[in-house]
Amino acid sequence: MISGIGVDIVNIQRIAHLSAKVKERLFHPSELAEASILTEEIQAEFLAGRFAAKEALGKALGTGIGQLSLQEIWVERAETGKPEFHFAGKVAALVGSRTAMLSISHDDPVAIAMVVLTGADDGSK
């Protein structure tokens, strides 16, 4: 059962122009560490996709990102290369036992992410 759908698009240059301090607020340390080994151009694309994923999750949850701690949401690549969400704290409670499926794509000048939540909302908000 689908319990939520969200999609978001981010201009890659918007992310490229963020200060390091702002990036530290928007991204989990593991995302910043993974981005740090990429070229500057690819870093912006990578992080724009991650930010779009967080925005899309907020839409799928029906909360928007204003009520989410972005440090409690991060995306890692599975062995297959597929992006997968990881959650902590209040975000983990909001997601509950639902599965958050994620797709991210980039095509300069934008990155896009789509999230589909499946499973019943178990009320663990």
Protein backbone atom coordinates (compact mmCIF):
# COMPACT_ATOMS: atom_id res chain seq x y z
CA MET A 1 0.00 0.00 0.00
CA ILE A 2 1.35 3.42 -0.95
CA SER A 3 1.13 5.84 1.97
CA GLY A 4 2.92 8.83 0.46
CA ILE A 5 4.59 10.19 -2.66
CA GLY A 6 6.95 13.14 -2.95
CA VAL A 7 9.06 14.65 -5.70
CA ASP A 8 11.49 17.57 -5.67
CA ILE A 9 13.79 19.29 -8.14
CA VAL A 10 16.85 21.34 -7.16
CA ASN A 11 19.01 23.67 -9.20
CA ILE A 12 22.56 22.31 -8.92
CA GLN A 13 24.16 25.78 -8.96
CA ARG A 14 22.05 26.76 -5.94
CA ILE A 15 23.82 24.04 -3.97
CA ALA A 16 27.23 24.88 -5.48
CA HIS A 17 27.03 28.38 -4.00
CA LEU A 18 26.23 27.33 -0.43
CA SER A 19 28.80 28.00 2.28
CA ALA A 20 30.42 25.13 4.14
CA LYS A 21 28.49 26.15 7.26
CA VAL A 22 25.13 25.92 5.48
CA LYS A 23 26.09 22.56 3.97
CA GLU A 24 26.86 21.29 7.48
CA ARG A 25 23.26 22.16 8.49
CA LEU A 26 21.67 20.58 5.42
CA PHE A 27 23.65 17.36 5.08
CA HIS A 28 24.60 14.45 7.31
CA PRO A 29 28.35 14.08 7.97
CA SER A 30 28.46 10.85 5.93
CA GLU A 31 26.99 12.67 2.91
CA LEU A 32 29.57 15.45 3.23
CA ALA A 33 32.37 12.89 3.59
CA GLU A 34 31.25 11.08 0.43
CA ALA A 35 30.96 14.38 -1.44
CA SER A 36 34.44 15.48 -0.32
CA ILE A 37 36.15 12.85 -2.48
CA LEU A 38 34.38 14.11 -5.62
CA THR A 39 35.41 16.97 -7.90
CA GLU A 40 33.84 20.33 -7.01
CA GLU A 41 31.48 20.16 -9.99
CA ILE A 42 30.31 16.65 -9.15
CA GLN A 43 30.00 17.55 -5.44
CA ALA A 44 27.27 20.10 -6.22
CA GLU A 45 25.39 17.58 -8.37
CA PHE A 46 25.71 14.90 -5.68
CA LEU A 47 24.55 17.18 -2.87
CA ALA A 48 21.70 18.64 -4.95
CA GLY A 49 20.38 15.10 -5.39
CA ARG A 50 20.65 14.46 -1.66
CA PHE A 51 18.84 17.68 -0.85
CA ALA A 52 16.10 16.90 -3.38
CA ALA A 53 15.71 13.49 -1.69
CA LYS A 54 15.18 15.12 1.72
CA GLU A 55 12.64 17.58 0.27
CA ALA A 56 10.80 14.75 -1.51
CA LEU A 57 10.70 12.75 1.74
CA GLY A 58 9.15 15.69 3.56
CA LYS A 59 6.47 15.88 0.88
CA ALA A 60 5.82 12.14 1.02
CA LEU A 61 5.46 12.34 4.81
CA GLY A 62 3.17 15.35 4.49
CA THR A 63 5.32 17.45 6.84
CA GLY A 64 7.60 19.34 4.47
CA ILE A 65 11.22 19.68 5.56
CA GLY A 66 10.52 22.50 8.01
CA GLN A 67 9.54 19.97 10.66
CA LEU A 68 12.38 17.54 9.91
CA SER A 69 15.94 17.58 11.20
CA LEU A 70 18.00 17.18 8.05
CA GLN A 71 20.80 15.69 10.14
CA GLU A 72 18.47 12.76 10.90
CA ILE A 73 18.11 11.89 7.19
CA TRP A 74 20.91 10.67 4.99
CA VAL A 75 21.29 8.74 1.79
CA GLU A 76 23.88 6.05 1.14
CA ARG A 77 24.48 3.87 -1.87
CA ALA A 78 23.64 0.20 -1.56
CA GLU A 79 26.10 -2.33 -2.99
CA THR A 80 24.01 -2.25 -6.15
CA GLY A 81 24.49 1.53 -6.43
CA LYS A 82 20.85 2.20 -5.54
CA PRO A 83 20.33 5.18 -3.20
CA GLU A 84 18.86 4.23 0.17
CA PHE A 85 17.56 6.39 2.99
CA HIS A 86 18.76 6.10 6.57
CA PHE A 87 16.92 7.76 9.45
CA ALA A 88 17.53 8.61 13.09
CA GLY A 89 15.61 10.27 15.89
CA LYS A 90 12.27 11.96 15.21
CA VAL A 91 12.49 11.30 11.47
CA ALA A 92 12.84 7.57 12.12
CA ALA A 93 9.73 7.79 14.31
CA LEU A 94 7.81 9.67 11.60
CA VAL A 95 8.70 7.10 8.96
CA GLY A 96 7.95 4.29 11.40
CA SER A 97 7.77 0.84 9.84
CA ARG A 98 7.09 2.19 6.36
CA THR A 99 9.55 1.65 3.53
CA ALA A 100 10.87 4.79 1.79
CA MET A 101 11.80 4.01 -1.81
CA LEU A 102 14.04 6.62 -3.45
CA SER A 103 15.17 7.51 -6.94
CA ILE A 104 17.60 10.35 -7.72
CA SER A 105 18.56 11.67 -11.14
CA HIS A 106 20.75 14.53 -12.37
CA ASP A 107 20.77 16.43 -15.65
CA ASP A 108 22.56 19.74 -15.45
CA PRO A 109 21.22 22.23 -14.39
CA VAL A 110 18.95 20.21 -12.07
CA ALA A 111 18.77 17.19 -9.80
CA ILE A 112 15.47 15.47 -9.07
CA ALA A 113 14.37 12.94 -6.48
CA MET A 114 11.21 10.92 -6.05
CA VAL A 115 10.13 9.14 -2.87
CA VAL A 116 7.39 6.54 -2.50
CA LEU A 117 6.40 5.48 1.02
CA THR A 118 4.87 2.04 1.29
CA GLY A 119 3.25 0.29 4.19
CA ALA A 120 0.80 1.48 6.74
CA ASP A 121 1.52 4.52 8.84
CA ASP A 122 1.97 2.83 12.21
CA GLY A 123 1.23 6.01 14.13
CA SER A 124 4.69 6.20 15.70
CA LYS A 125 4.84 9.97 15.16
